[in-house]
Amino acid sequence: MQISRENAQQIAVEFVKKKKNTDKIDVAAVEQHREDWVVRGTCPIDMEGHPWAERFEVVVNPKGKIKAMNASLL
């Protein structure tokens, strides 16, 4: 069973919210790569009292499970 683009985005956003402890997630792109969905975007993080933006990429498999996550400072 293949999940939809919207479901993949929702799964990725909820995962990033929990992982980064933030409610502000900006999704820039949702693309299908082979059978997986790749969700890219940014979220704010607090680094020693200073606000920074962090870029993330979450890979969601066809069953709706998180396969991988990468994050880096902008």
PDB file of N, CA and C in Angstrom:
ATOM      1  N   MET A   1       0.834  -1.190   0.000  1.00  0.00           N
ATOM      2  CA  MET A   1       0.000   0.000   0.000  1.00  0.00           C
ATOM      3  C   MET A   1       0.876   1.252   0.000  1.00  0.00           C
ATOM      4  N   GLN A   2       0.602   2.158  -0.886  1.00  0.00           N
ATOM      5  CA  GLN A   2       1.370   3.397  -1.016  1.00  0.00           C
ATOM      6  C   GLN A   2       0.634   4.533  -0.295  1.00  0.00           C
ATOM      7  N   ILE A   3       1.342   5.283   0.544  1.00  0.00           N
ATOM      8  CA  ILE A   3       0.707   6.419   1.202  1.00  0.00           C
ATOM      9  C   ILE A   3       0.699   7.612   0.250  1.00  0.00           C
ATOM     10  N   SER A   4      -0.197   8.552   0.511  1.00  0.00           N
ATOM     11  CA  SER A   4      -0.306   9.728  -0.353  1.00  0.00           C
ATOM     12  C   SER A   4       0.746  10.773   0.004  1.00  0.00           C
ATOM     13  N   ARG A   5       0.900  11.719  -0.878  1.00  0.00           N
ATOM     14  CA  ARG A   5       1.822  12.841  -0.675  1.00  0.00           C
ATOM     15  C   ARG A   5       1.466  13.601   0.609  1.00  0.00           C
ATOM     16  N   GLU A   6       0.169  13.856   0.805  1.00  0.00           N
ATOM     17  CA  GLU A   6      -0.294  14.590   1.982  1.00  0.00           C
ATOM     18  C   GLU A   6      -0.002  13.824   3.269  1.00  0.00           C
ATOM     19  N   ASN A   7      -0.223  12.503   3.245  1.00  0.00           N
ATOM     20  CA  ASN A   7       0.064  11.687   4.427  1.00  0.00           C
ATOM     21  C   ASN A   7       1.552  11.669   4.740  1.00  0.00           C
ATOM     22  N   ALA A   8       2.377  11.570   3.708  1.00  0.00           N
ATOM     23  CA  ALA A   8       3.830  11.578   3.913  1.00  0.00           C
ATOM     24  C   ALA A   8       4.269  12.897   4.542  1.00  0.00           C
ATOM     25  N   GLN A   9       3.704  13.999   4.052  1.00  0.00           N
ATOM     26  CA  GLN A   9       4.044  15.314   4.606  1.00  0.00           C
ATOM     27  C   GLN A   9       3.625  15.407   6.069  1.00  0.00           C
ATOM     28  N   GLN A  10       2.423  14.955   6.386  1.00  0.00           N
ATOM     29  CA  GLN A  10       1.920  15.007   7.759  1.00  0.00           C
ATOM     30  C   GLN A  10       2.786  14.159   8.696  1.00  0.00           C
ATOM     31  N   ILE A  11       3.173  12.974   8.262  1.00  0.00           N
ATOM     32  CA  ILE A  11       4.025  12.091   9.069  1.00  0.00           C
ATOM     33  C   ILE A  11       5.369  12.758   9.333  1.00  0.00           C
ATOM     34  N   ALA A  12       5.963  13.344   8.298  1.00  0.00           N
ATOM     35  CA  ALA A  12       7.263  14.004   8.440  1.00  0.00           C
ATOM     36  C   ALA A  12       7.174  15.213   9.368  1.00  0.00           C
ATOM     37  N   VAL A  13       6.134  16.025   9.217  1.00  0.00           N
ATOM     38  CA  VAL A  13       5.968  17.217  10.059  1.00  0.00           C
ATOM     39  C   VAL A  13       5.812  16.823  11.524  1.00  0.00           C
ATOM     40  N   GLU A  14       4.997  15.825  11.808  1.00  0.00           N
ATOM     41  CA  GLU A  14       4.819  15.374  13.195  1.00  0.00           C
ATOM     42  C   GLU A  14       6.128  14.845  13.769  1.00  0.00           C
ATOM     43  N   PHE A  15       6.895  14.130  12.964  1.00  0.00           N
ATOM     44  CA  PHE A  15       8.184  13.596  13.401  1.00  0.00           C
ATOM     45  C   PHE A  15       9.148  14.731  13.752  1.00  0.00           C
ATOM     46  N   VAL A  16       9.247  15.729  12.878  1.00  0.00           N
ATOM     47  CA  VAL A  16      10.156  16.857  13.122  1.00  0.00           C
ATOM     48  C   VAL A  16       9.700  17.658  14.339  1.00  0.00           C
ATOM     49  N   LYS A  17       8.390  17.848  14.496  1.00  0.00           N
ATOM     50  CA  LYS A  17       7.865  18.569  15.668  1.00  0.00           C
ATOM     51  C   LYS A  17       8.323  17.906  16.964  1.00  0.00           C
ATOM     52  N   LYS A  18       8.209  16.589  17.025  1.00  0.00           N
ATOM     53  CA  LYS A  18       8.614  15.860  18.229  1.00  0.00           C
ATOM     54  C   LYS A  18      10.129  15.876  18.409  1.00  0.00           C
ATOM     55  N   LYS A  19      10.853  15.658  17.324  1.00  0.00           N
ATOM     56  CA  LYS A  19      12.315  15.569  17.382  1.00  0.00           C
ATOM     57  C   LYS A  19      12.953  16.903  17.766  1.00  0.00           C
ATOM     58  N   LYS A  20      12.430  17.995  17.221  1.00  0.00           N
ATOM     59  CA  LYS A  20      13.028  19.318  17.430  1.00  0.00           C
ATOM     60  C   LYS A  20      12.290  20.154  18.473  1.00  0.00           C
ATOM     61  N   ASN A  21      11.215  19.612  19.028  1.00  0.00           N
ATOM     62  CA  ASN A  21      10.434  20.291  20.058  1.00  0.00           C
ATOM     63  C   ASN A  21       9.986  21.687  19.604  1.00  0.00           C
ATOM     64  N   THR A  22       9.361  21.756  18.440  1.00  0.00           N
ATOM     65  CA  THR A  22       8.857  23.013  17.898  1.00  0.00           C
ATOM     66  C   THR A  22       7.554  22.770  17.155  1.00  0.00           C
ATOM     67  N   ASP A  23       6.724  23.807  17.078  1.00  0.00           N
ATOM     68  CA  ASP A  23       5.469  23.708  16.337  1.00  0.00           C
ATOM     69  C   ASP A  23       5.553  24.392  14.979  1.00  0.00           C
ATOM     70  N   LYS A  24       6.616  25.154  14.755  1.00  0.00           N
ATOM     71  CA  LYS A  24       6.745  25.912  13.502  1.00  0.00           C
ATOM     72  C   LYS A  24       7.600  25.129  12.506  1.00  0.00           C
ATOM     73  N   ILE A  25       6.929  24.478  11.581  1.00  0.00           N
ATOM     74  CA  ILE A  25       7.603  23.690  10.548  1.00  0.00           C
ATOM     75  C   ILE A  25       7.179  24.250   9.193  1.00  0.00           C
ATOM     76  N   ASP A  26       8.145  24.616   8.381  1.00  0.00           N
ATOM     77  CA  ASP A  26       7.860  25.105   7.032  1.00  0.00           C
ATOM     78  C   ASP A  26       8.313  24.057   6.022  1.00  0.00           C
ATOM     79  N   VAL A  27       7.351  23.452   5.340  1.00  0.00           N
ATOM     80  CA  VAL A  27       7.666  22.444   4.330  1.00  0.00           C
ATOM     81  C   VAL A  27       7.895  23.151   2.997  1.00  0.00           C
ATOM     82  N   ALA A  28       9.042  22.892   2.386  1.00  0.00           N
ATOM     83  CA  ALA A  28       9.389  23.516   1.110  1.00  0.00           C
ATOM     84  C   ALA A  28       9.067  22.611  -0.077  1.00  0.00           C
ATOM     85  N   ALA A  29       9.228  21.297   0.107  1.00  0.00           N
ATOM     86  CA  ALA A  29       9.005  20.377  -1.014  1.00  0.00           C
ATOM     87  C   ALA A  29       8.667  18.982  -0.512  1.00  0.00           C
ATOM     88  N   VAL A  30       7.814  18.307  -1.266  1.00  0.00           N
ATOM     89  CA  VAL A  30       7.508  16.893  -1.031  1.00  0.00           C
ATOM     90  C   VAL A  30       7.664  16.210  -2.386  1.00  0.00           C
ATOM     91  N   GLU A  31       8.641  15.320  -2.477  1.00  0.00           N
ATOM     92  CA  GLU A  31       8.931  14.662  -3.752  1.00  0.00           C
ATOM     93  C   GLU A  31       8.971  13.158  -3.571  1.00  0.00           C
ATOM     94  N   GLN A  32       8.575  12.450  -4.611  1.00  0.00           N
ATOM     95  CA  GLN A  32       8.674  10.997  -4.568  1.00  0.00           C
ATOM     96  C   GLN A  32       9.984  10.584  -5.224  1.00  0.00           C
ATOM     97  N   HIS A  33      10.748   9.775  -4.500  1.00  0.00           N
ATOM     98  CA  HIS A  33      12.024   9.267  -5.001  1.00  0.00           C
ATOM     99  C   HIS A  33      11.946   7.751  -4.946  1.00  0.00           C
ATOM    100  N   ARG A  34      11.842   7.140  -6.109  1.00  0.00           N
ATOM    101  CA  ARG A  34      11.543   5.708  -6.227  1.00  0.00           C
ATOM    102  C   ARG A  34      10.223   5.458  -5.503  1.00  0.00           C
ATOM    103  N   GLU A  35      10.213   4.636  -4.468  1.00  0.00           N
ATOM    104  CA  GLU A  35       8.962   4.374  -3.748  1.00  0.00           C
ATOM    105  C   GLU A  35       8.808   5.243  -2.511  1.00  0.00           C
ATOM    106  N   ASP A  36       9.870   5.898  -2.091  1.00  0.00           N
ATOM    107  CA  ASP A  36       9.844   6.705  -0.870  1.00  0.00           C
ATOM    108  C   ASP A  36       9.421   8.144  -1.155  1.00  0.00           C
ATOM    109  N   TRP A  37       8.904   8.812  -0.119  1.00  0.00           N
ATOM    110  CA  TRP A  37       8.618  10.239  -0.174  1.00  0.00           C
ATOM    111  C   TRP A  37       9.735  10.972   0.552  1.00  0.00           C
ATOM    112  N   VAL A  38      10.205  12.069  -0.028  1.00  0.00           N
ATOM    113  CA  VAL A  38      11.232  12.902   0.592  1.00  0.00           C
ATOM    114  C   VAL A  38      10.593  14.255   0.891  1.00  0.00           C
ATOM    115  N   VAL A  39      10.571  14.610   2.178  1.00  0.00           N
ATOM    116  CA  VAL A  39       9.970  15.870   2.622  1.00  0.00           C
ATOM    117  C   VAL A  39      11.099  16.779   3.084  1.00  0.00           C
ATOM    118  N   ARG A  40      11.177  17.977   2.481  1.00  0.00           N
ATOM    119  CA  ARG A  40      12.231  18.938   2.827  1.00  0.00           C
ATOM    120  C   ARG A  40      11.602  20.223   3.342  1.00  0.00           C
ATOM    121  N   GLY A  41      12.319  20.871   4.267  1.00  0.00           N
ATOM    122  CA  GLY A  41      11.826  22.137   4.786  1.00  0.00           C
ATOM    123  C   GLY A  41      12.765  22.714   5.817  1.00  0.00           C
ATOM    124  N   THR A  42      12.241  23.673   6.590  1.00  0.00           N
ATOM    125  CA  THR A  42      13.029  24.320   7.638  1.00  0.00           C
ATOM    126  C   THR A  42      12.215  24.400   8.922  1.00  0.00           C
ATOM    127  N   CYS A  43      12.943  24.542  10.026  1.00  0.00           N
ATOM    128  CA  CYS A  43      12.317  24.749  11.324  1.00  0.00           C
ATOM    129  C   CYS A  43      13.269  25.577  12.183  1.00  0.00           C
ATOM    130  N   PRO A  44      12.726  26.354  13.132  1.00  0.00           N
ATOM    131  CA  PRO A  44      13.595  27.135  14.007  1.00  0.00           C
ATOM    132  C   PRO A  44      14.152  26.266  15.126  1.00  0.00           C
ATOM    133  N   ILE A  45      15.375  26.565  15.545  1.00  0.00           N
ATOM    134  CA  ILE A  45      15.946  25.905  16.715  1.00  0.00           C
ATOM    135  C   ILE A  45      16.591  26.967  17.588  1.00  0.00           C
ATOM    136  N   ASP A  46      16.766  26.654  18.849  1.00  0.00           N
ATOM    137  CA  ASP A  46      17.415  27.560  19.790  1.00  0.00           C
ATOM    138  C   ASP A  46      18.798  27.002  20.081  1.00  0.00           C
ATOM    139  N   MET A  47      19.812  27.771  19.735  1.00  0.00           N
ATOM    140  CA  MET A  47      21.182  27.327  19.951  1.00  0.00           C
ATOM    141  C   MET A  47      21.843  28.258  20.951  1.00  0.00           C
ATOM    142  N   GLU A  48      21.909  27.808  22.200  1.00  0.00           N
ATOM    143  CA  GLU A  48      22.512  28.586  23.280  1.00  0.00           C
ATOM    144  C   GLU A  48      21.897  29.979  23.381  1.00  0.00           C
ATOM    145  N   GLY A  49      20.578  30.048  23.292  1.00  0.00           N
ATOM    146  CA  GLY A  49      19.871  31.315  23.436  1.00  0.00           C
ATOM    147  C   GLY A  49      19.735  32.124  22.163  1.00  0.00           C
ATOM    148  N   HIS A  50      20.273  31.637  21.065  1.00  0.00           N
ATOM    149  CA  HIS A  50      20.191  32.348  19.791  1.00  0.00           C
ATOM    150  C   HIS A  50      19.305  31.569  18.823  1.00  0.00           C
ATOM    151  N   PRO A  51      18.351  32.244  18.183  1.00  0.00           N
ATOM    152  CA  PRO A  51      17.497  31.546  17.212  1.00  0.00           C
ATOM    153  C   PRO A  51      18.234  31.284  15.901  1.00  0.00           C
ATOM    154  N   TRP A  52      18.107  30.078  15.401  1.00  0.00           N
ATOM    155  CA  TRP A  52      18.706  29.686  14.128  1.00  0.00           C
ATOM    156  C   TRP A  52      17.656  28.938  13.319  1.00  0.00           C
ATOM    157  N   ALA A  53      17.857  28.891  12.038  1.00  0.00           N
ATOM    158  CA  ALA A  53      16.991  28.074  11.185  1.00  0.00           C
ATOM    159  C   ALA A  53      17.749  26.803  10.822  1.00  0.00           C
ATOM    160  N   GLU A  54      17.031  25.712  10.821  1.00  0.00           N
ATOM    161  CA  GLU A  54      17.635  24.429  10.476  1.00  0.00           C
ATOM    162  C   GLU A  54      16.877  23.829   9.294  1.00  0.00           C
ATOM    163  N   ARG A  55      17.612  23.333   8.348  1.00  0.00           N
ATOM    164  CA  ARG A  55      17.026  22.660   7.193  1.00  0.00           C
ATOM    165  C   ARG A  55      16.909  21.176   7.522  1.00  0.00           C
ATOM    166  N   PHE A  56      15.799  20.563   7.116  1.00  0.00           N
ATOM    167  CA  PHE A  56      15.641  19.128   7.353  1.00  0.00           C
ATOM    168  C   PHE A  56      15.203  18.416   6.079  1.00  0.00           C
ATOM    169  N   GLU A  57      15.486  17.123   6.065  1.00  0.00           N
ATOM    170  CA  GLU A  57      15.026  16.239   4.999  1.00  0.00           C
ATOM    171  C   GLU A  57      14.616  14.935   5.672  1.00  0.00           C
ATOM    172  N   VAL A  58      13.370  14.553   5.486  1.00  0.00           N
ATOM    173  CA  VAL A  58      12.847  13.326   6.087  1.00  0.00           C
ATOM    174  C   VAL A  58      12.416  12.391   4.958  1.00  0.00           C
ATOM    175  N   VAL A  59      12.850  11.138   5.045  1.00  0.00           N
ATOM    176  CA  VAL A  59      12.471  10.127   4.054  1.00  0.00           C
ATOM    177  C   VAL A  59      11.428   9.218   4.698  1.00  0.00           C
ATOM    178  N   VAL A  60      10.263   9.125   4.049  1.00  0.00           N
ATOM    179  CA  VAL A  60       9.154   8.311   4.544  1.00  0.00           C
ATOM    180  C   VAL A  60       8.938   7.165   3.555  1.00  0.00           C
ATOM    181  N   ASN A  61       8.908   5.927   4.072  1.00  0.00           N
ATOM    182  CA  ASN A  61       8.735   4.777   3.176  1.00  0.00           C
ATOM    183  C   ASN A  61       7.264   4.616   2.770  1.00  0.00           C
ATOM    184  N   PRO A  62       6.956   3.732   1.821  1.00  0.00           N
ATOM    185  CA  PRO A  62       5.586   3.580   1.323  1.00  0.00           C
ATOM    186  C   PRO A  62       4.567   3.173   2.389  1.00  0.00           C
ATOM    187  N   LYS A  63       5.037   2.597   3.490  1.00  0.00           N
ATOM    188  CA  LYS A  63       4.126   2.185   4.564  1.00  0.00           C
ATOM    189  C   LYS A  63       3.924   3.279   5.609  1.00  0.00           C
ATOM    190  N   GLY A  64       4.593   4.430   5.446  1.00  0.00           N
ATOM    191  CA  GLY A  64       4.417   5.541   6.373  1.00  0.00           C
ATOM    192  C   GLY A  64       5.406   5.570   7.521  1.00  0.00           C
ATOM    193  N   LYS A  65       6.460   4.802   7.422  1.00  0.00           N
ATOM    194  CA  LYS A  65       7.493   4.774   8.469  1.00  0.00           C
ATOM    195  C   LYS A  65       8.648   5.688   8.077  1.00  0.00           C
ATOM    196  N   ILE A  66       9.236   6.348   9.086  1.00  0.00           N
ATOM    197  CA  ILE A  66      10.396   7.203   8.851  1.00  0.00           C
ATOM    198  C   ILE A  66      11.590   6.315   8.538  1.00  0.00           C
ATOM    199  N   LYS A  67      12.213   6.557   7.410  1.00  0.00           N
ATOM    200  CA  LYS A  67      13.362   5.765   6.975  1.00  0.00           C
ATOM    201  C   LYS A  67      14.665   6.467   7.356  1.00  0.00           C
ATOM    202  N   ALA A  68      14.673   7.807   7.250  1.00  0.00           N
ATOM    203  CA  ALA A  68      15.883   8.571   7.564  1.00  0.00           C
ATOM    204  C   ALA A  68      15.523  10.032   7.777  1.00  0.00           C
ATOM    205  N   MET A  69      16.393  10.727   8.514  1.00  0.00           N
ATOM    206  CA  MET A  69      16.253  12.173   8.679  1.00  0.00           C
ATOM    207  C   MET A  69      17.636  12.789   8.679  1.00  0.00           C
ATOM    208  N   ASN A  70      17.786  13.868   7.942  1.00  0.00           N
ATOM    209  CA  ASN A  70      19.015  14.653   7.944  1.00  0.00           C
ATOM    210  C   ASN A  70      18.643  16.083   8.285  1.00  0.00           C
ATOM    211  N   ALA A  71      19.496  16.741   9.064  1.00  0.00           N
ATOM    212  CA  ALA A  71      19.262  18.137   9.417  1.00  0.00           C
ATOM    213  C   ALA A  71      20.588  18.876   9.416  1.00  0.00           C
ATOM    214  N   SER A  72      20.538  20.148   9.012  1.00  0.00           N
ATOM    215  CA  SER A  72      21.745  20.975   9.023  1.00  0.00           C
ATOM    216  C   SER A  72      21.354  22.437   9.194  1.00  0.00           C
ATOM    217  N   LEU A  73      22.250  23.205   9.799  1.00  0.00           N
ATOM    218  CA  LEU A  73      21.998  24.628   9.984  1.00  0.00           C
ATOM    219  C   LEU A  73      22.027  25.341   8.645  1.00  0.00           C
ATOM    220  N   LEU A  74      21.207  26.360   8.525  1.00  0.00           N
ATOM    221  CA  LEU A  74      21.227  27.173   7.301  1.00  0.00           C
ATOM    222  C   LEU A  74      22.335  28.186   7.368  1.00  0.00           C
TER     223      LEU A  74
END
